[in-house]
Protein backbone atom coordinates (compact mmCIF):
# COMPACT_ATOMS: atom_id res chain seq x y z
CA UNK A 1 12.33 5.23 0.69
CA UNK A 2 14.76 4.49 3.53
CA UNK A 3 13.85 3.42 7.05
CA UNK A 4 15.81 3.18 10.28
CA UNK A 5 15.17 2.11 13.83
CA UNK A 6 16.16 4.68 16.45
CA UNK A 7 17.12 3.38 19.90
CA UNK A 8 16.14 4.94 23.21
CA UNK A 9 18.86 5.59 25.76
CA UNK A 10 19.21 5.39 29.53
CA UNK A 11 21.56 7.58 31.56
CA UNK A 12 23.14 5.11 33.95
CA UNK A 13 24.92 7.99 35.63
CA UNK A 14 24.76 11.76 35.08
CA UNK A 15 27.03 14.29 36.75
CA UNK A 16 26.28 17.95 36.05
CA UNK A 17 28.47 21.03 36.53
CA UNK A 18 27.56 24.69 36.93
CA UNK A 19 26.57 26.38 33.67
CA UNK A 20 29.16 27.96 31.43
CA UNK A 21 28.92 31.59 30.34
CA UNK A 22 26.73 30.53 27.42
CA UNK A 23 24.26 28.84 29.78
CA UNK A 24 25.08 25.26 28.84
CA UNK A 25 25.93 22.78 31.59
CA UNK A 26 29.06 20.62 31.22
CA UNK A 27 28.26 17.02 32.07
CA UNK A 28 29.67 13.56 32.35
CA UNK A 29 27.28 10.72 31.69
CA UNK A 30 27.43 6.98 31.23
CA UNK A 31 24.77 6.27 28.62
CA UNK A 32 23.37 3.00 27.30
CA UNK A 33 21.26 2.34 24.20
CA UNK A 34 18.32 -0.03 24.71
CA UNK A 35 15.99 -1.99 22.46
CA UNK A 36 13.05 0.41 22.75
CA UNK A 37 12.82 1.96 19.29
CA UNK A 38 11.07 4.46 17.07
CA UNK A 39 11.02 4.01 13.30
CA UNK A 40 12.07 6.88 11.04
CA UNK A 41 11.52 7.04 7.29
CA UNK A 42 12.86 9.53 4.75
CA UNK A 43 11.18 9.31 1.34
CA UNK A 44 10.63 11.19 -1.90
CA UNK A 45 7.55 13.41 -1.91
CA UNK A 46 5.74 15.90 -4.09
CA UNK A 47 5.98 18.48 -1.31
CA UNK A 48 7.71 18.64 2.08
CA UNK A 49 5.78 16.71 4.70
CA UNK A 50 6.20 15.60 8.31
CA UNK A 51 4.17 12.60 9.47
CA UNK A 52 4.06 11.41 13.10
CA UNK A 53 2.14 8.34 14.25
CA UNK A 54 0.81 9.93 17.44
CA UNK A 55 0.99 13.08 19.57
CA UNK A 56 4.38 12.27 21.16
CA UNK A 57 6.22 14.59 18.74
CA UNK A 58 5.28 17.63 16.65
CA UNK A 59 4.15 16.93 13.08
CA UNK A 60 5.68 20.12 11.67
CA UNK A 61 9.01 21.85 11.16
CA UNK A 62 9.69 21.72 14.91
CA UNK A 63 10.04 17.94 14.70
CA UNK A 64 13.66 17.09 15.50
CA UNK A 65 13.87 14.34 12.87
CA UNK A 66 12.62 16.79 10.24
CA UNK A 67 15.12 19.43 11.36
CA UNK A 68 17.92 16.85 11.09
CA UNK A 69 16.99 15.80 7.56
CA UNK A 70 16.47 19.40 6.53
CA UNK A 71 19.92 20.59 7.63
CA UNK A 72 21.52 17.74 5.70
CA UNK A 73 19.56 18.78 2.63
CA UNK A 74 20.67 22.38 3.17
CA UNK A 75 24.35 21.34 3.28
CA UNK A 76 24.18 20.23 -0.36
CA UNK A 77 21.88 23.09 -1.39
CA UNK A 78 19.11 20.75 -2.52
CA UNK A 79 15.47 21.77 -2.78
CA UNK A 80 14.16 18.26 -3.51
CA UNK A 81 10.95 17.75 -1.51
CA UNK A 82 10.89 14.93 1.02
CA UNK A 83 8.67 13.25 3.55
CA UNK A 84 9.99 12.50 7.03
CA UNK A 85 7.79 10.03 8.89
CA UNK A 86 8.24 8.96 12.51
CA UNK A 87 6.47 6.02 14.08
CA UNK A 88 6.73 6.85 17.78
CA UNK A 89 7.06 4.31 20.55
CA UNK A 90 9.56 6.00 22.88
CA UNK A 91 7.63 8.33 25.24
CA UNK A 92 8.41 12.03 25.16
CA UNK A 93 9.37 14.09 28.21
CA UNK A 94 10.80 10.98 29.86
CA UNK A 95 14.59 11.32 29.57
CA UNK A 96 14.77 8.41 27.13
CA UNK A 97 16.17 10.46 24.26
CA UNK A 98 13.53 9.51 21.72
CA UNK A 99 13.61 12.80 19.84
CA UNK A 100 17.41 12.75 19.72
CA UNK A 101 17.41 9.15 18.51
CA UNK A 102 14.94 10.09 15.76
CA UNK A 103 17.22 12.98 14.77
CA UNK A 104 20.27 10.72 14.57
CA UNK A 105 18.40 8.22 12.40
CA UNK A 106 17.15 11.01 10.15
CA UNK A 107 20.68 12.40 9.84
CA UNK A 108 21.93 9.01 8.65
CA UNK A 109 19.07 8.46 6.20
CA UNK A 110 19.32 11.98 4.79
CA UNK A 111 23.11 11.79 4.52
CA UNK A 112 22.77 8.69 2.36
CA UNK A 113 20.07 10.31 0.29
CA UNK A 114 22.01 13.52 -0.34
CA UNK A 115 25.58 12.18 -0.31
CA UNK A 116 26.86 13.82 2.88
CA UNK A 117 29.82 12.29 4.76
CA UNK A 118 29.56 10.86 8.25
CA UNK A 119 32.13 13.38 9.48
CA UNK A 120 29.81 16.16 8.35
CA UNK A 121 26.86 14.41 9.98
CA UNK A 122 28.71 14.31 13.30
CA UNK A 123 29.33 18.04 13.06
CA UNK A 124 25.66 18.71 12.36
CA UNK A 125 24.56 16.52 15.27
CA UNK A 126 26.11 18.84 17.87
CA UNK A 127 23.77 21.67 16.90
CA UNK A 128 20.64 19.52 17.14
CA UNK A 129 20.80 18.57 20.82
CA UNK A 130 22.99 17.24 23.60
CA UNK A 131 21.93 13.60 23.11
CA UNK A 132 22.16 13.49 19.30
CA UNK A 133 25.95 12.91 19.09
CA UNK A 134 25.57 9.92 21.41
CA UNK A 135 22.62 8.58 19.43
CA UNK A 136 24.78 8.59 16.30
CA UNK A 137 27.22 6.24 18.06
CA UNK A 138 25.00 4.31 20.47
CA UNK A 139 25.92 1.30 22.55
CA UNK A 140 27.69 2.03 25.83
CA UNK A 141 29.56 5.33 26.04
CA UNK A 142 30.82 8.05 28.35
CA UNK A 143 29.61 11.44 27.17
CA UNK A 144 31.25 14.69 28.24
CA UNK A 145 31.32 18.38 27.35
CA UNK A 146 27.77 19.47 26.59
CA UNK A 147 27.16 16.13 24.88
CA UNK A 148 29.51 16.57 21.94
CA UNK A 149 32.29 14.28 23.17
CA UNK A 150 31.35 10.60 22.97
CA UNK A 151 33.80 7.95 24.15
CA UNK A 152 32.61 4.41 23.30
CA UNK A 153 33.04 1.83 26.05
CA UNK A 154 32.96 -1.98 25.92
CA UNK A 155 29.39 -3.18 25.40
CA UNK A 156 27.61 -3.55 28.73
CA UNK A 157 25.94 -6.95 28.88
CA UNK A 158 24.47 -9.46 31.29
CA UNK A 159 21.50 -7.46 32.61
CA UNK A 160 18.07 -6.18 31.69
CA UNK A 161 16.11 -3.11 32.73
CA UNK A 162 12.53 -2.61 33.84
CA UNK A 163 11.41 0.89 32.88
CA UNK A 164 8.36 2.82 34.05
CA UNK A 165 7.25 6.19 32.72
CA UNK A 166 5.01 8.07 35.19
CA UNK A 167 1.94 9.94 33.91
CA UNK A 168 3.68 13.31 33.66
CA UNK A 169 6.32 14.85 31.43
CA UNK A 170 9.41 16.77 32.51
CA UNK A 171 10.87 19.50 30.32
CA UNK A 172 14.66 19.37 30.23
CA UNK A 173 15.27 23.17 30.28
CA UNK A 174 13.02 23.55 33.33
CA UNK A 175 14.79 20.75 35.21
CA UNK A 176 18.21 22.26 34.52
CA UNK A 177 16.99 25.72 35.54
CA UNK A 178 15.63 24.26 38.76
CA UNK A 179 18.95 22.51 39.39
CA UNK A 180 20.62 25.93 39.12
CA UNK A 181 18.07 27.46 41.49
CA UNK A 182 18.85 24.71 44.01
CA UNK A 183 22.58 25.59 43.79
CA UNK A 184 23.53 22.46 41.89
CA UNK A 185 22.81 19.56 44.26
CA UNK A 186 24.39 16.12 43.85
CA UNK A 187 22.03 13.29 43.06
CA UNK A 188 21.52 10.23 45.24
CA UNK A 189 24.23 7.61 44.65
CA UNK A 190 23.07 4.30 43.24
CA UNK A 191 24.69 1.65 45.48
CA UNK A 192 27.49 -0.27 43.79
CA UNK A 193 26.28 -3.61 45.16
CA UNK A 194 23.03 -3.16 43.25
CA UNK A 195 24.75 -2.56 39.91
CA UNK A 196 25.19 -5.38 37.40
CA UNK A 197 28.79 -6.71 37.34
CA UNK A 198 29.37 -5.12 33.92
CA UNK A 199 28.79 -1.66 35.42
CA UNK A 200 30.51 -1.86 38.80
CA UNK A 201 33.77 -0.42 37.51
CA UNK A 202 31.86 2.80 36.78
CA UNK A 203 30.63 3.22 40.36
CA UNK A 204 29.68 5.46 42.03
CA UNK A 205 26.80 6.31 39.69
CA UNK A 206 24.29 9.06 40.42
CA UNK A 207 21.90 11.34 38.53
CA UNK A 208 22.43 14.92 39.68
CA UNK A 209 19.19 16.06 38.05
CA UNK A 210 17.02 13.91 40.29
CA UNK A 211 16.63 16.48 43.12
CA UNK A 212 15.63 19.13 40.58
CA UNK A 213 13.16 16.81 38.85
CA UNK A 214 11.52 16.07 42.21
CA UNK A 215 11.38 19.81 42.94
CA UNK A 216 9.49 20.27 39.66
CA UNK A 217 7.11 17.31 40.18
CA UNK A 218 7.11 16.03 43.77
CA UNK A 219 5.13 12.94 42.76
CA UNK A 220 8.23 11.59 41.03
CA UNK A 221 9.72 10.66 44.39
CA UNK A 222 6.51 8.84 45.33
CA UNK A 223 6.72 6.83 42.12
CA UNK A 224 10.33 5.90 42.80
CA UNK A 225 9.53 4.86 46.38
CA UNK A 226 6.59 2.74 45.24
CA UNK A 227 8.66 0.95 42.61
CA UNK A 228 11.48 0.30 45.08
CA UNK A 229 8.98 -1.23 47.51
CA UNK A 230 7.39 -3.34 44.76
CA UNK A 231 10.63 -4.50 43.15
CA UNK A 232 12.76 -4.75 46.26
CA UNK A 233 15.73 -3.06 44.57
CA UNK A 234 17.02 0.52 44.17
CA UNK A 235 15.43 2.56 41.38
CA UNK A 236 17.06 5.37 39.37
CA UNK A 237 15.92 8.09 36.96
CA UNK A 238 17.20 8.58 33.42
CA UNK A 239 18.19 11.99 32.06
CA UNK A 240 16.00 14.85 33.24
CA UNK A 241 13.15 12.39 33.86
CA UNK A 242 10.54 11.26 34.24
CA UNK A 243 11.32 7.61 33.36
CA UNK A 244 12.49 5.36 36.22
CA UNK A 245 14.33 2.07 35.95
CA UNK A 246 15.82 -0.83 37.88
CA UNK A 247 18.36 -3.53 37.04
CA UNK A 248 17.49 -7.22 36.72
CA UNK A 249 19.51 -10.30 35.88
CA UNK A 250 17.28 -11.52 33.04
CA UNK A 251 14.76 -10.07 30.63
CA UNK A 252 12.12 -12.35 32.13
CA UNK A 253 12.64 -10.85 35.59
CA UNK A 254 12.47 -7.35 34.11
CA UNK A 255 9.27 -8.18 32.25
CA UNK A 256 7.71 -9.47 35.45
CA UNK A 257 8.71 -6.30 37.29
CA UNK A 258 7.23 -4.11 34.55
CA UNK A 259 3.85 -5.79 34.98
CA UNK A 260 3.84 -4.55 38.59
CA UNK A 261 3.95 -0.88 37.57
CA UNK A 262 0.98 1.25 38.64
CA UNK A 263 -1.82 1.29 36.11
CA UNK A 264 -1.49 5.07 35.73
CA UNK A 265 1.96 4.76 34.13
CA UNK A 266 2.31 6.12 30.62
CA UNK A 267 4.48 3.13 29.75
CA UNK A 268 6.07 0.14 31.49
CA UNK A 269 8.29 -2.40 29.80
CA UNK A 270 11.47 -4.41 29.93
CA UNK A 271 14.48 -3.62 27.77
CA UNK A 272 17.91 -4.99 27.01
CA UNK A 273 21.10 -3.08 26.23
CA UNK A 274 22.03 -2.88 22.54
CA UNK A 275 25.25 -1.89 20.79
CA UNK A 276 23.80 0.65 18.35
CA UNK A 277 21.95 3.95 18.34
CA UNK A 278 20.30 3.33 14.97
CA UNK A 279 19.84 0.57 12.41
CA UNK A 280 18.95 1.04 8.76
CA UNK A 281 16.36 -1.58 7.84
CA UNK A 282 15.47 -0.98 4.20
CA UNK A 283 16.24 -3.70 1.68
CA UNK A 284 19.14 -1.92 0.00
CA UNK A 285 21.13 -1.60 3.24
CA UNK A 286 19.82 -4.47 5.34
CA UNK A 287 23.34 -5.51 6.34
CA UNK A 288 24.00 -2.20 8.15
């Protein structure tokens, strides 16, 4: 049995372009891994099995971690049965990339199990989802194309995040389709003065999907306004939503801010930036 931790991500900035002929949207995003993790396990089994700790991901062949492990197995033509288990902590439908992180961790675990190279794993990641190539690399990176080009940046440090997930989910395809229907609006710019020093060279930062997300669920804007009033700082959205976040100087300040989230929130917590998208934690590879 092999186990890995899969890190959530936050889009610190997300610029979107009009869709290509194939319907995919080119993007440019500054993405950061954070210490909010799921745990993924790939193990021997008598028959194929998908196990999920709660209802935040499908417990069947639609599970992205299962699909990742399965395509690695297919590369080597193996029919050995396996169990893929996911202990979920990262909320779904929140723009935190939990499913993609699980897929990246499963790709790594399955590649070690079946003897597939990392170069092959990176090729497989592109077909699994726009955030999976980043999750394989993790840390701080600029992502372009449709997610397949990942350029690592110096680790962003010296700040913490308070994150709040409102009590509704946003489906990424619907948010992108709405963005198209709105003729591709620019997102509100996060003021440079409110960015941590480690991120100011990347300014201006904005999330172009925010207007579309608000058009899908108008209450999102109310949540952002309430958090800004409570925290006294600007608040941004990650990915296609619905998670919202603000920057703080210390983890203690971020933890205090998270306690002020409305009781209806699906989740509220503090997080710190980390330099990895996944970590293998079984005994045989504990130094990874």
